[in-house]
Amino acid sequence: MTSGSAQPSHVRTRQWRGGKTTADDFPLSELRDRVADADAAVWVDLCAPSEDDLRLVADVLGLDHVALEDAVTHRERTKLDRYTGYLFLNLYAASAAKGRLALHEVSAFVCDRALVTVRDDDAFDMDGLVRRWDDDLSLWRRGVADEAENVRSLLLYGLLDQIVDGQLDAVQALDDETDAVEELVFDDAPQGREIQHRSFRLRKNLGALRRVALPMREILSTLLRRDTELVPDSMRPYYQDVYDHALHVGEWTDGLRDLVADLLETRIALQDNRLNEVMKKVTSWAAIIAVPTAVTGFFGQNLAFPGRDASSGFVVSSVVLVVLGVGLYGVFKRNGWL
């Protein structure tokens, strides 16, 4: 899960114009001049930002202190806030391996010609996002985002697509973990403690992923609303694709949560069945053992009865012991109790 980081501050910048990178890693002090270029788009990435860097970016772009506080506060909920002149988003990238889920918080300010990302550490694959943006330059060449005001939509699309794709990969990994737990539940030699531990860890991870993934549907739905005019018509199909993936993540996560709950109930039912089998076997053997006890008790009583002092009494008692014991064993075996 996201947590505080003591790593040093790191700033990364880039500027595009006409579908081409015109400046990379320019000093933050040049931000005002870069943003003033009406034909260019600027990206600023603040990793573990210092107060001075935050203040400079806020002054240049006119960011509200409330939004800045949300950007540096850990474990804020997934959300989209609209401010005058810009949007603020708080998102969570997800990754899962060996049944363990990791969430990495990423905040973003979407201005007219600038995108600012804020994160606490370098766990989020920012290099992968930059490569995705570079691949999406073909959209510029096809005229999808040839206007400066549309560039922010393309940059935001790349960020959202990266986030949702990561959540899809995470839920796929958790699905694989669910399959592994299912195999353990139906194993002939079940490992109760391991099943219990992995099942509850899986439910916890699915709950955490669900909390950060479900709001993505609301965020994308808000962006796609025509009355908001946040997404140009040329970019709408791309955002719709991300929205569909976000729906898939939510539905998949809900389905897995139900499946894990069913697995836990199935495990309890199987335990009850195994206990019943054990009790039937114990009861059967107890009944078989009770027969010789009863017979020997009868023949050992201190009362006179026919054959007590004769050898025929021993023969009769032995035959009764064997016949009743074998008979009970056969009955229990035929009924599946033994």
Protein backbone atom coordinates (compact mmCIF):
# COMPACT_ATOMS: atom_id res chain seq x y z
CA MET A 1 0.00 0.00 0.00
CA THR A 2 1.08 3.59 -0.38
CA SER A 3 3.18 4.98 2.38
CA GLY A 4 5.49 7.83 3.13
CA SER A 5 8.88 7.93 1.45
CA ALA A 6 12.11 9.59 2.45
CA GLN A 7 13.60 9.59 -1.04
CA PRO A 8 14.95 12.89 -2.40
CA SER A 9 12.85 15.18 -4.54
CA HIS A 10 13.04 14.63 -8.27
CA VAL A 11 11.57 16.78 -11.05
CA ARG A 12 11.02 15.67 -14.62
CA THR A 13 9.74 17.92 -17.41
CA ARG A 14 8.89 17.74 -21.09
CA GLN A 15 7.37 19.98 -23.76
CA TRP A 16 5.62 19.00 -27.00
CA ARG A 17 4.68 21.06 -30.03
CA GLY A 18 2.98 19.73 -33.13
CA GLY A 19 3.42 16.12 -32.06
CA LYS A 20 7.15 16.44 -31.46
CA THR A 21 9.19 16.75 -28.28
CA THR A 22 10.74 20.21 -28.26
CA ALA A 23 12.28 20.17 -24.78
CA ASP A 24 13.10 17.44 -22.28
CA ASP A 25 14.04 17.92 -18.61
CA PHE A 26 14.07 21.69 -18.85
CA PRO A 27 14.59 23.58 -15.57
CA LEU A 28 11.47 24.16 -13.51
CA SER A 29 12.31 27.85 -13.49
CA GLU A 30 11.38 27.94 -17.21
CA LEU A 31 7.88 26.62 -16.57
CA ARG A 32 6.16 29.99 -16.87
CA ASP A 33 7.66 30.69 -20.28
CA ARG A 34 6.94 27.17 -21.50
CA VAL A 35 3.30 27.31 -20.44
CA ALA A 36 2.91 30.70 -22.12
CA ASP A 37 3.46 29.04 -25.51
CA ALA A 38 -0.10 28.61 -26.80
CA ASP A 39 0.95 25.97 -29.35
CA ALA A 40 2.75 23.70 -26.90
CA ALA A 41 1.88 21.24 -24.14
CA VAL A 42 3.96 20.82 -21.00
CA TRP A 43 4.33 17.96 -18.55
CA VAL A 44 5.85 18.29 -15.08
CA ASP A 45 6.42 15.28 -12.84
CA LEU A 46 7.10 15.95 -9.16
CA CYS A 47 8.40 12.91 -7.28
CA ALA A 48 8.57 13.48 -3.51
CA PRO A 49 8.32 17.23 -4.21
CA SER A 50 9.82 19.91 -2.04
CA GLU A 51 7.75 22.82 -0.80
CA ASP A 52 9.64 25.19 -3.08
CA ASP A 53 8.85 23.13 -6.17
CA LEU A 54 5.19 22.87 -5.23
CA ARG A 55 4.97 26.57 -4.55
CA LEU A 56 6.59 27.43 -7.89
CA VAL A 57 4.26 25.18 -9.88
CA ALA A 58 1.23 26.44 -7.95
CA ASP A 59 2.14 30.07 -8.62
CA VAL A 60 2.66 29.50 -12.35
CA LEU A 61 -0.49 27.44 -12.91
CA GLY A 62 -2.71 29.05 -10.26
CA LEU A 63 -3.31 25.88 -8.26
CA ASP A 64 -5.43 26.07 -5.12
CA HIS A 65 -3.81 25.21 -1.79
CA VAL A 66 -6.60 22.72 -1.03
CA ALA A 67 -5.76 20.73 -4.15
CA LEU A 68 -2.06 20.90 -3.31
CA GLU A 69 -2.78 19.55 0.16
CA ASP A 70 -4.71 16.65 -1.35
CA ALA A 71 -1.83 15.94 -3.72
CA VAL A 72 0.71 15.49 -0.92
CA THR A 73 -1.62 13.82 1.59
CA HIS A 74 -1.28 10.05 1.69
CA ARG A 75 -4.19 7.70 1.08
CA GLU A 76 -6.62 10.22 -0.30
CA ARG A 77 -9.59 8.56 -1.97
CA THR A 78 -9.75 8.13 -5.73
CA LYS A 79 -11.52 11.22 -7.06
CA LEU A 80 -11.88 13.95 -9.66
CA ASP A 81 -12.28 17.56 -8.49
CA ARG A 82 -13.00 20.47 -10.79
CA TYR A 83 -11.42 23.82 -10.02
CA THR A 84 -11.51 27.01 -12.02
CA GLY A 85 -9.17 26.49 -14.94
CA TYR A 86 -7.97 22.96 -14.13
CA LEU A 87 -8.86 19.49 -12.90
CA PHE A 88 -7.41 17.58 -9.96
CA LEU A 89 -7.34 13.80 -9.96
CA ASN A 90 -6.16 11.39 -7.31
CA LEU A 91 -5.51 7.93 -8.72
CA TYR A 92 -3.98 4.62 -7.68
CA ALA A 93 -1.79 2.43 -9.84
CA ALA A 94 -1.98 -1.23 -8.85
CA SER A 95 0.33 -4.21 -9.14
CA ALA A 96 0.03 -7.72 -7.75
CA ALA A 97 2.45 -10.62 -7.47
CA LYS A 98 2.39 -13.84 -5.45
CA GLY A 99 -1.00 -12.96 -4.01
CA ARG A 100 0.13 -9.58 -2.69
CA LEU A 101 -1.30 -6.25 -3.86
CA ALA A 102 0.61 -2.97 -4.00
CA LEU A 103 -1.08 0.40 -4.57
CA HIS A 104 0.84 3.49 -5.66
CA GLU A 105 -0.81 6.89 -5.30
CA VAL A 106 -0.54 9.34 -8.20
CA SER A 107 -2.09 12.82 -8.25
CA ALA A 108 -2.52 14.92 -11.37
CA PHE A 109 -3.36 18.53 -12.21
CA VAL A 110 -4.79 18.91 -15.72
CA CYS A 111 -4.53 22.49 -16.94
CA ASP A 112 -5.21 23.99 -20.37
CA ARG A 113 -1.74 23.30 -21.74
CA ALA A 114 -0.05 21.48 -18.89
CA LEU A 115 -0.22 18.22 -16.99
CA VAL A 116 1.41 18.01 -13.56
CA THR A 117 1.82 14.62 -11.87
CA VAL A 118 2.67 14.35 -8.19
CA ARG A 119 3.76 11.14 -6.46
CA ASP A 120 5.45 10.22 -3.24
CA ASP A 121 7.91 7.67 -4.64
CA ASP A 122 9.11 6.17 -7.91
CA ALA A 123 7.07 2.96 -7.64
CA PHE A 124 4.74 4.07 -10.44
CA ASP A 125 6.07 3.24 -13.91
CA MET A 126 6.48 6.78 -15.17
CA ASP A 127 8.90 5.67 -17.90
CA GLY A 128 6.19 3.38 -19.24
CA LEU A 129 3.76 6.30 -19.30
CA VAL A 130 6.22 8.44 -21.26
CA ARG A 131 6.69 5.62 -23.78
CA ARG A 132 2.91 5.39 -24.09
CA TRP A 133 2.72 9.12 -24.80
CA ASP A 134 5.43 8.78 -27.43
CA ASP A 135 3.48 5.96 -29.07
CA ASP A 136 0.35 8.10 -29.04
CA LEU A 137 2.07 10.80 -31.09
CA SER A 138 0.44 9.13 -34.09
CA LEU A 139 -2.82 10.67 -32.85
CA TRP A 140 -1.26 14.07 -33.37
CA ARG A 141 -0.17 13.11 -36.85
CA ARG A 142 -3.70 11.93 -37.70
CA GLY A 143 -5.09 15.23 -36.47
CA VAL A 144 -6.83 13.82 -33.41
CA ALA A 145 -5.03 16.18 -31.07
CA ASP A 146 -3.62 18.78 -33.40
CA GLU A 147 -5.04 21.66 -31.38
CA ALA A 148 -3.26 22.78 -28.23
CA GLU A 149 -6.36 22.57 -26.05
CA ASN A 150 -6.79 18.92 -27.07
CA VAL A 151 -3.27 17.93 -26.09
CA ARG A 152 -4.16 17.83 -22.41
CA SER A 153 -6.89 15.31 -23.24
CA LEU A 154 -4.38 13.05 -24.95
CA LEU A 155 -1.91 13.27 -22.06
CA LEU A 156 -4.68 12.59 -19.55
CA TYR A 157 -5.89 9.69 -21.67
CA GLY A 158 -2.43 8.12 -21.54
CA LEU A 159 -2.29 8.46 -17.75
CA LEU A 160 -5.77 7.01 -17.21
CA ASP A 161 -5.12 4.18 -19.66
CA GLN A 162 -1.90 3.30 -17.86
CA ILE A 163 -3.67 3.28 -14.49
CA VAL A 164 -6.61 1.15 -15.62
CA ASP A 165 -4.39 -1.30 -17.52
CA GLY A 166 -2.35 -1.78 -14.36
CA GLN A 167 -5.52 -2.46 -12.40
CA LEU A 168 -6.54 -5.02 -15.02
CA ASP A 169 -3.19 -6.77 -14.66
CA ALA A 170 -3.59 -6.73 -10.87
CA VAL A 171 -7.06 -8.26 -10.93
CA GLN A 172 -5.77 -10.92 -13.36
CA ALA A 173 -3.02 -11.80 -10.87
CA LEU A 174 -5.58 -11.99 -8.07
CA ASP A 175 -7.74 -14.20 -10.28
CA ASP A 176 -4.78 -16.58 -10.63
CA GLU A 177 -4.38 -16.55 -6.85
CA THR A 178 -8.07 -17.39 -6.51
CA ASP A 179 -7.57 -20.41 -8.78
CA ALA A 180 -4.67 -21.54 -6.61
CA VAL A 181 -6.79 -21.27 -3.46
CA GLU A 182 -9.59 -23.18 -5.17
CA GLU A 183 -7.20 -26.04 -5.91
CA LEU A 184 -6.15 -26.11 -2.26
CA VAL A 185 -9.77 -26.23 -1.10
CA PHE A 186 -10.51 -29.32 -3.17
CA ASP A 187 -7.16 -31.00 -2.55
CA ASP A 188 -7.36 -34.51 -1.11
CA ALA A 189 -5.00 -33.41 1.66
CA PRO A 190 -6.20 -29.85 2.35
CA GLN A 191 -3.96 -27.45 4.23
CA GLY A 192 -6.44 -25.66 6.43
CA ARG A 193 -4.16 -22.97 7.84
CA GLU A 194 -2.74 -22.03 4.44
CA ILE A 195 -6.20 -21.93 2.86
CA GLN A 196 -7.49 -19.68 5.61
CA HIS A 197 -4.49 -17.34 5.43
CA ARG A 198 -4.50 -17.01 1.65
CA SER A 199 -8.28 -16.66 1.43
CA PHE A 200 -8.49 -13.80 3.90
CA ARG A 201 -5.46 -12.09 2.36
CA LEU A 202 -7.13 -12.43 -1.03
CA ARG A 203 -10.38 -10.92 0.24
CA LYS A 204 -8.46 -8.03 1.77
CA ASN A 205 -6.58 -7.37 -1.48
CA LEU A 206 -9.75 -7.54 -3.56
CA GLY A 207 -11.45 -5.12 -1.20
CA ALA A 208 -8.54 -2.68 -1.44
CA LEU A 209 -8.46 -2.91 -5.23
CA ARG A 210 -12.21 -2.46 -5.42
CA ARG A 211 -12.06 0.74 -3.35
CA VAL A 212 -9.61 2.39 -5.75
CA ALA A 213 -10.98 0.89 -8.99
CA LEU A 214 -14.72 1.51 -8.70
CA PRO A 215 -14.39 5.34 -8.55
CA MET A 216 -12.55 5.20 -11.89
CA ARG A 217 -15.90 4.55 -13.55
CA GLU A 218 -17.32 7.75 -12.06
CA ILE A 219 -14.23 9.72 -13.07
CA LEU A 220 -14.36 8.55 -16.68
CA SER A 221 -18.12 8.96 -16.81
CA THR A 222 -17.73 12.57 -15.68
CA LEU A 223 -15.03 13.21 -18.28
CA LEU A 224 -17.21 11.72 -21.03
CA ARG A 225 -20.26 13.85 -20.24
CA ARG A 226 -20.80 16.21 -23.14
CA ASP A 227 -21.98 19.07 -20.96
CA THR A 228 -18.58 19.21 -19.25
CA GLU A 229 -16.68 19.72 -22.55
CA LEU A 230 -13.61 18.14 -20.98
CA VAL A 231 -12.99 15.59 -23.72
CA PRO A 232 -13.10 16.62 -27.40
CA ASP A 233 -15.17 14.48 -29.75
CA SER A 234 -12.01 13.26 -31.49
CA MET A 235 -10.74 11.73 -28.23
CA ARG A 236 -14.08 10.38 -27.02
CA PRO A 237 -13.65 6.83 -28.45
CA TYR A 238 -10.32 6.47 -26.66
CA TYR A 239 -11.77 7.55 -23.32
CA GLN A 240 -14.74 5.24 -23.91
CA ASP A 241 -12.32 2.34 -24.30
CA VAL A 242 -10.68 3.17 -20.97
CA TYR A 243 -14.15 3.45 -19.40
CA ASP A 244 -15.03 -0.03 -20.67
CA HIS A 245 -11.83 -1.41 -19.14
CA ALA A 246 -12.65 0.30 -15.84
CA LEU A 247 -16.09 -1.32 -15.88
CA HIS A 248 -14.43 -4.67 -16.51
CA VAL A 249 -12.10 -4.20 -13.55
CA GLY A 250 -15.01 -3.41 -11.23
CA GLU A 251 -17.14 -6.32 -12.41
CA TRP A 252 -14.20 -8.72 -12.32
CA THR A 253 -13.29 -7.65 -8.80
CA ASP A 254 -16.86 -8.05 -7.57
CA GLY A 255 -17.03 -11.49 -9.17
CA LEU A 256 -13.81 -12.58 -7.49
CA ARG A 257 -15.00 -11.34 -4.11
CA ASP A 258 -18.14 -13.45 -4.47
CA LEU A 259 -16.06 -16.43 -5.61
CA VAL A 260 -13.73 -16.17 -2.61
CA ALA A 261 -16.75 -15.99 -0.29
CA ASP A 262 -18.16 -19.11 -1.98
CA LEU A 263 -14.82 -20.87 -1.59
CA LEU A 264 -14.78 -20.14 2.13
CA GLU A 265 -18.32 -21.49 2.48
CA THR A 266 -17.37 -24.54 0.41
CA ARG A 267 -14.34 -25.14 2.62
CA ILE A 268 -16.55 -25.09 5.72
CA ALA A 269 -19.01 -27.49 4.06
CA LEU A 270 -16.18 -29.84 3.09
CA GLN A 271 -14.83 -29.71 6.63
CA ASP A 272 -18.27 -30.65 7.94
CA ASN A 273 -18.49 -33.52 5.46
CA ARG A 274 -15.06 -34.79 6.45
CA LEU A 275 -16.01 -34.54 10.11
CA ASN A 276 -19.17 -36.52 9.43
CA GLU A 277 -17.13 -39.20 7.68
CA VAL A 278 -14.77 -39.42 10.63
CA MET A 279 -17.65 -39.60 13.09
CA LYS A 280 -19.30 -42.38 11.08
CA LYS A 281 -16.10 -44.41 11.12
CA VAL A 282 -15.54 -43.83 14.82
CA THR A 283 -19.15 -44.74 15.58
CA SER A 284 -18.94 -47.87 13.43
CA TRP A 285 -15.80 -49.13 15.11
CA ALA A 286 -17.26 -48.30 18.50
CA ALA A 287 -20.32 -50.41 17.67
CA ILE A 288 -18.14 -53.30 16.49
CA ILE A 289 -16.02 -53.10 19.64
CA ALA A 290 -19.16 -52.96 21.78
CA VAL A 291 -20.29 -56.39 20.52
CA PRO A 292 -17.50 -58.46 22.11
CA THR A 293 -17.76 -56.32 25.20
CA ALA A 294 -21.45 -57.16 25.52
CA VAL A 295 -20.97 -60.85 24.75
CA THR A 296 -18.06 -61.34 27.12
CA GLY A 297 -19.94 -59.41 29.75
CA PHE A 298 -22.92 -61.72 29.37
CA PHE A 299 -20.89 -64.88 29.60
CA GLY A 300 -18.89 -63.49 32.47
CA GLN A 301 -21.87 -62.78 34.73
CA ASN A 302 -22.12 -64.50 38.13
CA LEU A 303 -25.39 -66.25 37.33
CA ALA A 304 -25.98 -69.83 36.27
CA PHE A 305 -27.02 -70.33 32.62
CA PRO A 306 -26.92 -73.30 30.25
CA GLY A 307 -23.40 -74.11 29.11
CA ARG A 308 -21.66 -71.94 31.68
CA ASP A 309 -19.47 -74.71 33.02
CA ALA A 310 -19.23 -76.62 29.72
CA SER A 311 -16.82 -76.23 26.81
CA SER A 312 -19.81 -75.60 24.56
CA GLY A 313 -20.30 -72.24 26.27
CA PHE A 314 -16.90 -71.04 25.07
CA VAL A 315 -17.63 -72.20 21.55
CA VAL A 316 -21.02 -70.50 21.50
CA SER A 317 -19.63 -67.23 22.86
CA SER A 318 -16.77 -67.24 20.34
CA VAL A 319 -19.12 -67.90 17.44
CA VAL A 320 -21.44 -65.11 18.61
CA LEU A 321 -18.48 -62.70 18.85
CA VAL A 322 -17.23 -63.46 15.36
CA VAL A 323 -20.64 -63.55 13.68
CA LEU A 324 -21.86 -60.29 15.20
CA GLY A 325 -18.53 -58.50 14.61
CA VAL A 326 -18.26 -59.62 10.98
CA GLY A 327 -21.94 -58.90 10.42
CA LEU A 328 -21.70 -55.35 11.74
CA TYR A 329 -18.53 -54.72 9.72
CA GLY A 330 -20.29 -55.91 6.56
CA VAL A 331 -23.33 -53.73 7.20
CA PHE A 332 -21.23 -50.60 7.89
CA LYS A 333 -18.98 -51.27 4.90
CA ARG A 334 -21.95 -51.71 2.56
CA ASN A 335 -23.44 -48.41 3.76
CA GLY A 336 -20.15 -46.58 3.25
CA TRP A 337 -19.43 -45.93 6.90
CA LEU A 338 -16.13 -47.79 6.81
